[in-house]
Structures are given as structure tokens and as C-alpha cells.
Protein backbone atom coordinates (compact mmCIF):
# COMPACT_ATOMS: atom_id res chain seq x y z
CA UNK A 1 -33.71 66.10 -38.61
CA UNK A 2 -37.04 65.09 -37.09
CA UNK A 3 -36.86 61.79 -39.02
CA UNK A 4 -33.56 60.93 -37.36
CA UNK A 5 -34.91 61.85 -33.93
CA UNK A 6 -38.02 59.69 -34.40
CA UNK A 7 -35.88 56.79 -35.68
CA UNK A 8 -33.64 56.99 -32.61
CA UNK A 9 -36.66 57.07 -30.29
CA UNK A 10 -38.19 54.07 -32.06
CA UNK A 11 -35.00 52.03 -31.85
CA UNK A 12 -34.61 52.89 -28.18
CA UNK A 13 -38.13 51.63 -27.53
CA UNK A 14 -37.52 48.18 -29.09
CA UNK A 15 -37.62 45.59 -26.28
CA UNK A 16 -34.27 43.88 -25.77
CA UNK A 17 -35.82 40.50 -26.64
CA UNK A 18 -36.57 41.74 -30.16
CA UNK A 19 -33.15 43.15 -30.85
CA UNK A 20 -29.87 41.37 -31.35
CA UNK A 21 -29.27 38.81 -28.60
CA UNK A 22 -26.06 37.35 -27.34
CA UNK A 23 -25.90 33.56 -27.76
CA UNK A 24 -26.42 31.78 -24.44
CA UNK A 25 -23.21 30.84 -22.72
CA UNK A 26 -22.40 27.15 -22.69
CA UNK A 27 -22.00 25.69 -19.22
CA UNK A 28 -18.40 25.19 -18.22
CA UNK A 29 -17.19 21.65 -18.85
CA UNK A 30 -16.32 19.35 -15.98
CA UNK A 31 -12.94 17.65 -16.19
CA UNK A 32 -12.27 14.55 -14.10
CA UNK A 33 -8.55 13.80 -13.81
CA UNK A 34 -6.37 10.98 -12.44
CA UNK A 35 -9.29 8.54 -12.57
CA UNK A 36 -9.28 4.77 -12.99
CA UNK A 37 -11.85 4.15 -15.71
CA UNK A 38 -13.77 0.89 -15.94
CA UNK A 39 -15.52 1.61 -19.21
CA UNK A 40 -17.42 -1.73 -19.59
CA UNK A 41 -16.47 -2.03 -23.26
CA UNK A 42 -14.39 -5.15 -22.60
CA UNK A 43 -11.06 -3.39 -22.13
CA UNK A 44 -9.05 -3.53 -18.94
CA UNK A 45 -9.49 -0.88 -16.26
CA UNK A 46 -7.29 2.12 -17.12
CA UNK A 47 -5.62 4.22 -14.46
CA UNK A 48 -4.47 7.82 -14.97
CA UNK A 49 -7.33 8.88 -17.23
CA UNK A 50 -8.98 12.24 -17.82
CA UNK A 51 -12.60 12.65 -18.87
CA UNK A 52 -14.07 15.87 -20.23
CA UNK A 53 -17.82 16.25 -19.72
CA UNK A 54 -19.63 18.96 -21.66
CA UNK A 55 -23.29 19.56 -22.47
CA UNK A 56 -24.29 16.42 -20.60
CA UNK A 57 -22.08 14.13 -22.66
CA UNK A 58 -18.62 12.61 -22.54
CA UNK A 59 -16.76 15.01 -24.83
CA UNK A 60 -13.27 13.52 -24.55
CA UNK A 61 -11.25 10.87 -22.74
CA UNK A 62 -7.45 10.63 -22.73
CA UNK A 63 -4.40 9.84 -20.67
CA UNK A 64 -3.63 12.42 -17.99
CA UNK A 65 -1.51 15.25 -19.33
CA UNK A 66 -1.68 14.27 -23.00
CA UNK A 67 -4.13 17.08 -23.82
CA UNK A 68 -4.81 20.47 -22.31
CA UNK A 69 -8.01 20.87 -20.33
CA UNK A 70 -10.46 23.49 -21.65
CA UNK A 71 -9.61 26.88 -20.22
CA UNK A 72 -13.06 27.38 -18.73
CA UNK A 73 -13.28 23.93 -17.15
CA UNK A 74 -14.01 22.95 -13.58
CA UNK A 75 -11.38 20.35 -12.72
CA UNK A 76 -11.91 17.58 -10.19
CA UNK A 77 -9.06 15.28 -9.10
CA UNK A 78 -10.18 11.65 -8.77
CA UNK A 79 -6.92 10.15 -7.55
CA UNK A 80 -7.68 6.75 -6.01
CA UNK A 81 -11.22 6.70 -7.37
CA UNK A 82 -12.94 4.54 -9.98
CA UNK A 83 -15.31 5.72 -12.72
CA UNK A 84 -18.00 3.41 -14.11
CA UNK A 85 -21.09 3.92 -16.25
CA UNK A 86 -24.08 4.55 -14.03
CA UNK A 87 -25.86 1.36 -13.03
CA UNK A 88 -29.24 0.30 -14.45
CA UNK A 89 -31.91 -1.75 -12.65
CA UNK A 90 -33.68 -3.92 -15.22
CA UNK A 91 -36.71 -4.83 -13.10
CA UNK A 92 -38.63 -2.34 -10.94
CA UNK A 93 -42.25 -1.38 -10.23
CA UNK A 94 -43.08 2.26 -9.51
CA UNK A 95 -46.80 2.52 -10.20
CA UNK A 96 -48.60 -0.64 -9.19
CA UNK A 97 -50.88 1.40 -6.92
CA UNK A 98 -50.42 5.15 -7.43
CA UNK A 99 -53.28 5.82 -5.00
CA UNK A 100 -51.64 3.81 -2.22
CA UNK A 101 -48.16 2.39 -1.75
CA UNK A 102 -46.91 4.03 -4.93
CA UNK A 103 -48.27 7.51 -4.39
CA UNK A 104 -46.21 10.21 -6.01
CA UNK A 105 -44.39 11.53 -2.94
CA UNK A 106 -43.14 8.06 -1.99
CA UNK A 107 -42.07 7.19 -5.52
CA UNK A 108 -40.19 10.45 -6.01
CA UNK A 109 -38.29 9.83 -2.77
CA UNK A 110 -37.42 6.28 -3.91
CA UNK A 111 -36.25 7.51 -7.28
CA UNK A 112 -34.07 10.16 -5.67
CA UNK A 113 -32.45 7.60 -3.35
CA UNK A 114 -31.99 5.26 -6.29
CA UNK A 115 -30.25 7.88 -8.41
CA UNK A 116 -27.98 8.97 -5.57
CA UNK A 117 -27.20 5.30 -5.05
CA UNK A 118 -25.66 5.09 -8.51
CA UNK A 119 -28.63 3.94 -10.65
CA UNK A 120 -29.17 6.17 -13.70
CA UNK A 121 -31.95 4.23 -15.48
CA UNK A 122 -34.67 1.73 -14.59
CA UNK A 123 -36.92 -0.65 -16.49
CA UNK A 124 -40.41 -0.53 -15.02
CA UNK A 125 -42.08 -3.88 -15.58
CA UNK A 126 -45.72 -2.93 -15.42
CA UNK A 127 -47.89 -0.40 -13.66
CA UNK A 128 -50.25 2.48 -14.30
CA UNK A 129 -48.95 4.13 -17.46
CA UNK A 130 -50.73 7.37 -16.58
CA UNK A 131 -48.44 7.74 -13.57
CA UNK A 132 -45.39 6.27 -15.31
CA UNK A 133 -45.66 8.62 -18.28
CA UNK A 134 -45.68 11.62 -15.96
CA UNK A 135 -42.75 10.27 -13.93
CA UNK A 136 -40.77 9.52 -17.10
CA UNK A 137 -41.43 13.02 -18.46
CA UNK A 138 -40.46 14.66 -15.17
CA UNK A 139 -37.25 12.60 -15.04
CA UNK A 140 -36.35 13.46 -18.63
CA UNK A 141 -37.08 17.16 -18.08
CA UNK A 142 -35.08 17.29 -14.86
CA UNK A 143 -38.14 18.29 -12.86
CA UNK A 144 -37.44 15.50 -10.37
CA UNK A 145 -34.19 13.89 -9.27
CA UNK A 146 -34.58 10.50 -10.88
CA UNK A 147 -33.06 7.87 -13.13
CA UNK A 148 -34.33 7.64 -16.69
CA UNK A 149 -37.50 5.54 -16.79
CA UNK A 150 -38.54 3.05 -19.47
CA UNK A 151 -41.74 1.08 -18.93
CA UNK A 152 -43.83 -1.71 -20.39
CA UNK A 153 -47.49 -2.43 -21.00
CA UNK A 154 -48.72 -5.65 -19.43
CA UNK A 155 -50.45 -8.14 -21.70
CA UNK A 156 -51.95 -11.24 -20.12
CA UNK A 157 -54.82 -13.66 -20.38
CA UNK A 158 -58.27 -12.69 -19.09
CA UNK A 159 -57.87 -14.68 -15.86
CA UNK A 160 -55.08 -12.36 -14.70
CA UNK A 161 -57.35 -9.33 -14.59
CA UNK A 162 -58.88 -10.24 -11.27
CA UNK A 163 -55.48 -9.73 -9.63
CA UNK A 164 -55.61 -6.83 -7.10
CA UNK A 165 -52.38 -5.38 -8.46
CA UNK A 166 -53.63 -4.95 -12.00
CA UNK A 167 -56.96 -3.63 -10.72
CA UNK A 168 -55.09 -0.94 -8.76
CA UNK A 169 -52.93 0.02 -11.75
CA UNK A 170 -55.88 0.35 -14.13
CA UNK A 171 -58.46 1.87 -11.80
CA UNK A 172 -61.12 3.79 -13.69
CA UNK A 173 -60.95 1.41 -16.65
CA UNK A 174 -62.74 -1.86 -17.21
CA UNK A 175 -60.25 -4.60 -16.26
CA UNK A 176 -58.29 -5.78 -19.27
CA UNK A 177 -59.12 -2.81 -21.50
CA UNK A 178 -56.50 -0.23 -20.47
CA UNK A 179 -53.81 0.30 -23.13
CA UNK A 180 -51.15 -0.51 -20.50
CA UNK A 181 -52.98 -3.53 -19.02
CA UNK A 182 -54.58 -5.47 -21.84
CA UNK A 183 -56.31 -8.85 -21.78
CA UNK A 184 -55.24 -11.09 -24.66
CA UNK A 185 -57.59 -13.59 -26.29
CA UNK A 186 -57.64 -15.34 -29.66
CA UNK A 187 -59.86 -12.54 -30.98
CA UNK A 188 -57.76 -9.61 -29.73
CA UNK A 189 -56.80 -7.15 -32.45
CA UNK A 190 -53.08 -7.26 -31.65
CA UNK A 191 -52.21 -4.54 -34.12
CA UNK A 192 -54.58 -2.14 -32.37
CA UNK A 193 -53.73 -3.27 -28.84
CA UNK A 194 -50.01 -2.85 -29.33
CA UNK A 195 -50.45 0.50 -31.09
CA UNK A 196 -52.42 1.70 -28.05
CA UNK A 197 -49.70 0.43 -25.70
CA UNK A 198 -47.16 2.39 -27.72
CA UNK A 199 -49.42 5.42 -27.57
CA UNK A 200 -49.43 5.15 -23.77
CA UNK A 201 -45.66 5.65 -23.82
CA UNK A 202 -44.63 2.04 -23.34
CA UNK A 203 -41.42 1.01 -25.06
CA UNK A 204 -42.18 -2.70 -24.64
CA UNK A 205 -44.87 -5.22 -23.90
CA UNK A 206 -44.61 -7.60 -20.95
CA UNK A 207 -46.46 -10.88 -21.13
CA UNK A 208 -47.29 -11.99 -17.62
CA UNK A 209 -49.75 -14.82 -17.07
CA UNK A 210 -52.51 -16.94 -18.60
CA UNK A 211 -50.80 -16.67 -22.00
CA UNK A 212 -50.37 -19.67 -24.29
CA UNK A 213 -47.50 -20.18 -26.75
CA UNK A 214 -49.44 -19.38 -29.92
CA UNK A 215 -50.74 -15.98 -28.80
CA UNK A 216 -47.37 -15.20 -27.19
CA UNK A 217 -45.68 -15.66 -30.54
CA UNK A 218 -48.23 -13.53 -32.39
CA UNK A 219 -47.98 -10.75 -29.79
CA UNK A 220 -44.18 -10.81 -29.88
CA UNK A 221 -44.13 -10.62 -33.67
CA UNK A 222 -46.56 -7.70 -33.80
CA UNK A 223 -44.78 -5.80 -31.02
CA UNK A 224 -41.46 -6.05 -32.84
CA UNK A 225 -43.12 -4.98 -36.09
CA UNK A 226 -44.28 -1.81 -34.34
CA UNK A 227 -40.87 -1.15 -32.82
CA UNK A 228 -41.59 -2.27 -29.25
CA UNK A 229 -39.43 -4.60 -27.21
CA UNK A 230 -40.78 -7.89 -25.93
CA UNK A 231 -40.41 -8.95 -22.30
CA UNK A 232 -42.13 -11.71 -20.33
CA UNK A 233 -42.12 -13.92 -17.30
CA UNK A 234 -40.10 -17.01 -18.16
CA UNK A 235 -43.26 -19.08 -17.79
CA UNK A 236 -46.69 -17.59 -18.47
CA UNK A 237 -48.87 -20.65 -17.77
CA UNK A 238 -49.87 -22.44 -19.89
CA UNK A 239 -46.77 -21.51 -21.91
CA UNK A 240 -43.66 -23.09 -20.41
CA UNK A 241 -40.22 -21.46 -20.52
CA UNK A 242 -38.98 -22.98 -23.78
CA UNK A 243 -42.24 -21.96 -25.49
CA UNK A 244 -41.89 -18.37 -24.28
CA UNK A 245 -38.29 -18.20 -25.50
CA UNK A 246 -39.24 -19.80 -28.81
CA UNK A 247 -42.03 -17.22 -29.22
CA UNK A 248 -39.38 -14.53 -29.67
CA UNK A 249 -39.37 -12.93 -26.22
CA UNK A 250 -36.18 -10.92 -25.80
CA UNK A 251 -35.90 -10.82 -21.99
CA UNK A 252 -37.33 -13.45 -19.62
CA UNK A 253 -37.70 -12.94 -15.88
CA UNK A 254 -37.35 -14.86 -12.60
CA UNK A 255 -34.94 -17.66 -11.77
CA UNK A 256 -37.46 -19.85 -9.97
CA UNK A 257 -39.70 -20.06 -13.00
CA UNK A 258 -37.02 -22.23 -14.64
CA UNK A 259 -38.26 -25.49 -12.97
CA UNK A 260 -41.59 -25.09 -14.76
CA UNK A 261 -39.80 -26.36 -17.84
CA UNK A 262 -39.94 -29.74 -16.07
CA UNK A 263 -42.95 -29.44 -13.76
CA UNK A 264 -46.40 -30.30 -15.00
CA UNK A 265 -48.44 -27.34 -16.32
CA UNK A 266 -50.30 -25.39 -13.65
CA UNK A 267 -52.35 -22.25 -13.20
CA UNK A 268 -50.39 -19.01 -13.09
CA UNK A 269 -51.74 -18.63 -9.55
CA UNK A 270 -49.65 -21.66 -8.56
CA UNK A 271 -46.42 -20.28 -10.03
CA UNK A 272 -44.74 -20.08 -6.62
CA UNK A 273 -45.32 -23.78 -5.89
CA UNK A 274 -41.93 -24.65 -7.27
CA UNK A 275 -40.53 -28.17 -7.01
CA UNK A 276 -37.16 -27.39 -5.45
CA UNK A 277 -35.95 -30.94 -6.09
CA UNK A 278 -35.62 -30.09 -9.79
CA UNK A 279 -31.91 -29.37 -10.32
CA UNK A 280 -30.28 -27.30 -13.07
CA UNK A 281 -28.53 -30.37 -14.47
CA UNK A 282 -31.90 -31.79 -15.58
CA UNK A 283 -31.60 -32.36 -19.36
CA UNK A 284 -34.72 -30.31 -20.07
CA UNK A 285 -33.30 -27.33 -18.18
CA UNK A 286 -29.95 -27.66 -19.90
CA UNK A 287 -31.81 -27.67 -23.22
CA UNK A 288 -33.70 -24.54 -22.14
CA UNK A 289 -30.49 -22.65 -21.41
CA UNK A 290 -29.05 -23.76 -24.76
CA UNK A 291 -32.21 -22.47 -26.48
CA UNK A 292 -31.94 -19.14 -24.64
CA UNK A 293 -28.37 -18.77 -25.82
CA UNK A 294 -29.21 -19.66 -29.42
CA UNK A 295 -32.14 -17.22 -29.46
CA UNK A 296 -30.13 -14.48 -27.67
CA UNK A 297 -32.83 -14.32 -24.99
CA UNK A 298 -31.56 -12.41 -21.96
CA UNK A 299 -32.14 -13.95 -18.53
CA UNK A 300 -33.45 -11.53 -15.86
CA UNK A 301 -33.17 -13.73 -12.74
CA UNK A 302 -34.17 -11.17 -10.05
CA UNK A 303 -32.16 -12.99 -7.38
CA UNK A 304 -32.95 -10.19 -4.95
CA UNK A 305 -36.51 -11.45 -4.48
CA UNK A 306 -35.26 -14.92 -3.55
CA UNK A 307 -32.83 -13.83 -0.85
CA UNK A 308 -33.44 -15.46 2.52
CA UNK A 309 -33.12 -13.89 5.94
CA UNK A 310 -29.70 -14.64 7.36
CA UNK A 311 -31.33 -16.14 10.47
CA UNK A 312 -33.37 -18.68 8.48
CA UNK A 313 -32.46 -22.34 8.97
CA UNK A 314 -30.52 -23.96 6.13
CA UNK A 315 -33.36 -26.45 5.71
CA UNK A 316 -36.05 -23.78 5.48
CA UNK A 317 -37.97 -23.25 2.25
CA UNK A 318 -36.55 -19.71 2.07
CA UNK A 319 -32.92 -20.86 2.22
CA UNK A 320 -33.55 -23.75 -0.17
CA UNK A 321 -35.27 -21.39 -2.62
CA UNK A 322 -32.38 -18.93 -2.48
CA UNK A 323 -29.84 -21.69 -3.11
CA UNK A 324 -31.83 -23.15 -6.00
CA UNK A 325 -32.28 -19.72 -7.64
CA UNK A 326 -28.54 -19.10 -7.40
CA UNK A 327 -27.81 -22.56 -8.80
CA UNK A 328 -30.11 -21.89 -11.77
CA UNK A 329 -28.24 -18.67 -12.55
CA UNK A 330 -24.90 -20.45 -12.22
CA UNK A 331 -26.03 -23.10 -14.71
CA UNK A 332 -27.40 -20.48 -17.13
CA UNK A 333 -24.13 -18.56 -16.92
CA UNK A 334 -22.10 -21.74 -17.50
CA UNK A 335 -24.26 -22.43 -20.57
CA UNK A 336 -23.40 -19.02 -22.03
CA UNK A 337 -26.77 -17.36 -21.44
CA UNK A 338 -26.65 -13.56 -21.19
CA UNK A 339 -27.73 -12.36 -17.75
CA UNK A 340 -28.99 -8.94 -16.71
CA UNK A 341 -29.35 -7.34 -13.26
CA UNK A 342 -32.87 -6.62 -12.04
CA UNK A 343 -34.30 -6.57 -8.54
CA UNK A 344 -38.12 -6.51 -8.72
CA UNK A 345 -37.81 -4.06 -5.82
CA UNK A 346 -35.93 -0.86 -6.64
CA UNK A 347 -35.36 0.75 -3.25
CA UNK A 348 -37.13 0.81 0.08
CA UNK A 349 -38.53 3.80 1.96
CA UNK A 350 -35.85 4.02 4.65
CA UNK A 351 -33.80 7.21 4.80
CA UNK A 352 -30.33 6.46 3.49
CA UNK A 353 -31.36 3.18 1.88
CA UNK A 354 -29.19 2.05 -1.01
CA UNK A 355 -30.71 0.71 -4.23
CA UNK A 356 -31.32 -3.02 -4.17
CA UNK A 357 -29.26 -3.53 -7.32
CA UNK A 358 -26.15 -3.52 -5.11
CA UNK A 359 -27.48 -6.65 -3.41
CA UNK A 360 -28.34 -8.14 -6.80
CA UNK A 361 -24.75 -7.65 -7.92
CA UNK A 362 -23.46 -9.48 -4.85
CA UNK A 363 -25.86 -12.36 -5.47
CA UNK A 364 -24.82 -12.60 -9.13
CA UNK A 365 -21.22 -12.97 -7.99
CA UNK A 366 -22.32 -15.71 -5.58
CA UNK A 367 -23.91 -17.36 -8.63
CA UNK A 368 -20.56 -17.57 -10.38
CA UNK A 369 -20.28 -14.32 -12.30
CA UNK A 370 -17.03 -12.44 -11.88
CA UNK A 371 -17.33 -8.88 -10.53
CA UNK A 372 -16.70 -7.61 -14.06
CA UNK A 373 -19.44 -9.85 -15.47
CA UNK A 374 -21.87 -8.73 -12.77
CA UNK A 375 -21.10 -5.09 -13.51
CA UNK A 376 -21.55 -5.78 -17.23
CA UNK A 377 -25.01 -7.16 -16.43
CA UNK A 378 -25.93 -3.92 -14.63
CA UNK A 379 -24.50 -1.60 -17.27
CA UNK A 380 -23.89 -2.70 -20.86
CA UNK A 381 -26.40 -5.58 -20.86
CA UNK A 382 -29.09 -3.58 -19.10
CA UNK A 383 -28.63 -0.69 -21.53
CA UNK A 384 -29.32 -3.20 -24.32
CA UNK A 385 -32.38 -4.49 -22.46
CA UNK A 386 -33.81 -0.96 -22.12
CA UNK A 387 -32.92 0.05 -25.68
CA UNK A 388 -30.43 2.65 -24.42
CA UNK A 389 -27.15 1.27 -25.80
CA UNK A 390 -26.58 4.36 -27.93
CA UNK A 391 -26.39 6.58 -24.85
CA UNK A 392 -25.70 4.41 -21.79
CA UNK A 393 -24.04 1.26 -20.55
CA UNK A 394 -20.41 2.05 -21.42
CA UNK A 395 -18.03 4.99 -21.07
CA UNK A 396 -17.36 6.23 -24.59
CA UNK A 397 -17.02 9.63 -26.20
CA UNK A 398 -20.44 10.91 -27.27
CA UNK A 399 -22.44 8.98 -24.69
CA UNK A 400 -24.46 10.57 -21.92
CA UNK A 401 -22.33 11.53 -18.92
CA UNK A 402 -24.27 9.47 -16.37
CA UNK A 403 -21.45 8.12 -14.23
CA UNK A 404 -20.81 6.37 -10.94
CA UNK A 405 -17.64 7.30 -9.07
CA UNK A 406 -16.46 4.86 -6.41
CA UNK A 407 -13.82 5.24 -3.73
CA UNK A 408 -12.80 1.55 -3.91
CA UNK A 409 -12.25 -0.98 -6.69
CA UNK A 410 -15.42 -2.98 -7.50
CA UNK A 411 -13.40 -5.48 -9.52
CA UNK A 412 -11.53 -6.46 -6.36
CA UNK A 413 -14.73 -6.77 -4.32
CA UNK A 414 -18.20 -6.32 -5.78
CA UNK A 415 -19.38 -4.91 -2.45
CA UNK A 416 -17.34 -1.82 -3.27
CA UNK A 417 -20.17 -0.62 -5.52
CA UNK A 418 -21.60 0.69 -2.26
CA UNK A 419 -18.51 2.88 -1.71
CA UNK A 420 -19.99 5.79 -3.66
CA UNK A 421 -17.93 8.97 -3.85
CA UNK A 422 -20.50 10.77 -5.99
CA UNK A 423 -22.79 10.36 -8.98
CA UNK A 424 -22.72 12.40 -12.19
CA UNK A 425 -26.07 12.95 -13.90
CA UNK A 426 -25.96 14.45 -17.41
CA UNK A 427 -22.51 15.82 -16.78
CA UNK A 428 -23.24 17.40 -13.39
CA UNK A 429 -22.17 15.94 -10.04
CA UNK A 430 -25.11 15.49 -7.70
CA UNK A 431 -24.76 17.73 -4.65
């Protein structure tokens, strides 16, 4: 008898966490009905569609009424609204100076505005990896309201490491020795340097300046061998654009570096002294675009940085630069070059500011892309650029439910990407 009493007392004393536990309840799925889906897979927009979002993913997609919604679902009627994959900005900088203009509070606010403006992932093109790694972790963990963050390690020639920007992003380290900001010379142990960049959390290298064609090719080859992507400025001085593309760079940036295929070699410090008389019909530039197409090099034109103030005179350098940048993109597009959407300036610090990628989309359309092609640049192509095609860039069953819901058709007018009804992040509508 006493044995049974003692056994009962012992069982009663077992903490609940050590006994049998009920399995955690799955969150209720979200069902979006009566939507027009622009899935970015190449199919036409489809009206009257239902999407089932569960566990942060797209669990099902079907014509309205052809299947029963899960009994425990939250249902949201999207009549008159348009569902797209969340946008991606393929060129941002969030940690150039984490002690100054990129201090954490400012960057978190920018990231929040960017996400609520429909951007679900960004490609950071060089900054302090110590700050970027923490931001990327916080974004992935849901500790901050932010797009996903992928970032690169800058690799450049020794002359670049007197630049104030790289000094700010590698403070505390001897210039050119930080794993995320490495000086390249003929004696650099590329295997070690790229392994250290990977160890700093970078998913790519970015070659910036003072890099010749031979070392660019060796760095690109080693980075790919170690599973990193390879990005670069279109000209790295002394390497000209065709040499950078031929080196195996996968994504090349900035429309107004194209003329340096024709201009005489210069210092990287003179990169902005562009000869605007060089037109995209120059045979050397046409050959460059053909090479980019043949090598599947993606063009990241960053038209946003070349936009001119609307009050500027048509003859001003600013207006002429904007026109020439747009003309270069038009020519690249006509030649069949794949174009992405990056801004080089994610979002400003004004309350209510929209992400700059919406302006980039408008400028891409001015450059001859159709609204669908511009949206493809900011979704499917950018997912490829970031290495996120398995989870982002298109609306397909099994992919992450990071979605942009618009109240007007962006295929009718690209400016309608600003008509945001709401954003879904990992299956949950943002409040």
C-alpha cells in the first residue's frame, strides 16, 4: 500500500515539462481568395485565384472554389487586388559607416520602411561585415522587421584602401586586411582570403577598383570554387568592362561604367569622368553587350543613382548623364542582356518614404523594358542574383510566402507598385 502511495506522490511531483507534452499547435493558415496572381514564372496574370499560406510557405494555389479552404484558416478576400512575389533590391549599402550614418537605429528604421514598402530581400554590396552579420541574423530570426539580407566582401587593389568609406567599414583593422575588405595583389593567397570572406558571412565577393583582368579572373575562379558568387563594378580600372565580364563575373554594376569600354584607361578615382558623347551604338559597346549575353552576365545598371532633378536644364550634365544611362540600358536590353533592379540607395530616412526600387522600376520602363520585364528584374532575376531562387522570386507552391499585394495593376502602369495594400512576410500580413 505504501509503495502505491509513494509512487503516486512521486508522479505528482514530476514537473510538467518532463512528462508527456502536447505537440505545439500549428499556426492557422492564411487563405487569400479572389486574387489576381502575377506569379513571375512567365505565365499570364491569373484572376480568381486562391492561395493557402501555412508555416511561412505557399502551401497551395488553385482556382477559387475548386478546393475547400482548411477549416482552421483565416480567410482574406482580395477582390480587385494583385499578388506578386515580394520585390528584391539588388544593390544597397547598410553598413558603410556603422558608427555614423549607418548606425544601428537608422539602419533598422530603413529596413523596416523597406520591408513595408514591398521589398523582402536586399543584396548589400559592401560594408562592415561585423554589422551586416548581426543585421542578417536579426532579420532571419525575426528580431527586427527587415528584408532578408545577403552581403558581399569587397576585394580591391591596394590603392582603394585609402578611401574614407572602406576605412569606416573596417575600422579597428589595418586597411586592406579585414576579411570583408581585402586588398588584392599578385601575392595574395586567394584561397585563404576568400575562405575568410566566407567565414565572415559573405555569400559573394565584390571586386571594386584597382583590379586588373588577370587577378580578377583568378579571384572569380577561386570564389566560385568555394561556393561564393562573384559580383563587380563593370569596370575596375585598369580592367575594362569586357575584361571583367570575360573574367567570369556574374553580375556587373552601373550603367555609366559602360563607356569605359571605349574610353582610354584611367584611375578608378576618375571613374565618374565619363565621356557622354560615347553612344550605345558604338561597335565596342555593342560587342560588350553581346559578350555579356553570351557569358550570362547580369547587368545591374542602378539607374536610380543617375536620376536628375526635374528642374535641371536639359543641357545640364545631370540630365545628359541620366539620358545616357537610360540609353545604355535600352541598348543592353535590345541586345538580350539580362537586367536586374538595384538602386545603390535602399531607402531614405524620411518617415513614410518608399523604397527606391519603385523609382528604379519606373526608370527601367523608361529604358524600354515592359512593366512585366521590369518586375521580372526585381523578382525572379534578383532572386537568382542573390542565390535565393529556391525560395523567392516567383509565386509557386513550396516557396516562402513573402508577397506584395497591390490595389492596382502594375502591368497596366508600373507606378502601381506604389499602391501597396499590404505585405506578407513569411506567411503573415504585416500590421
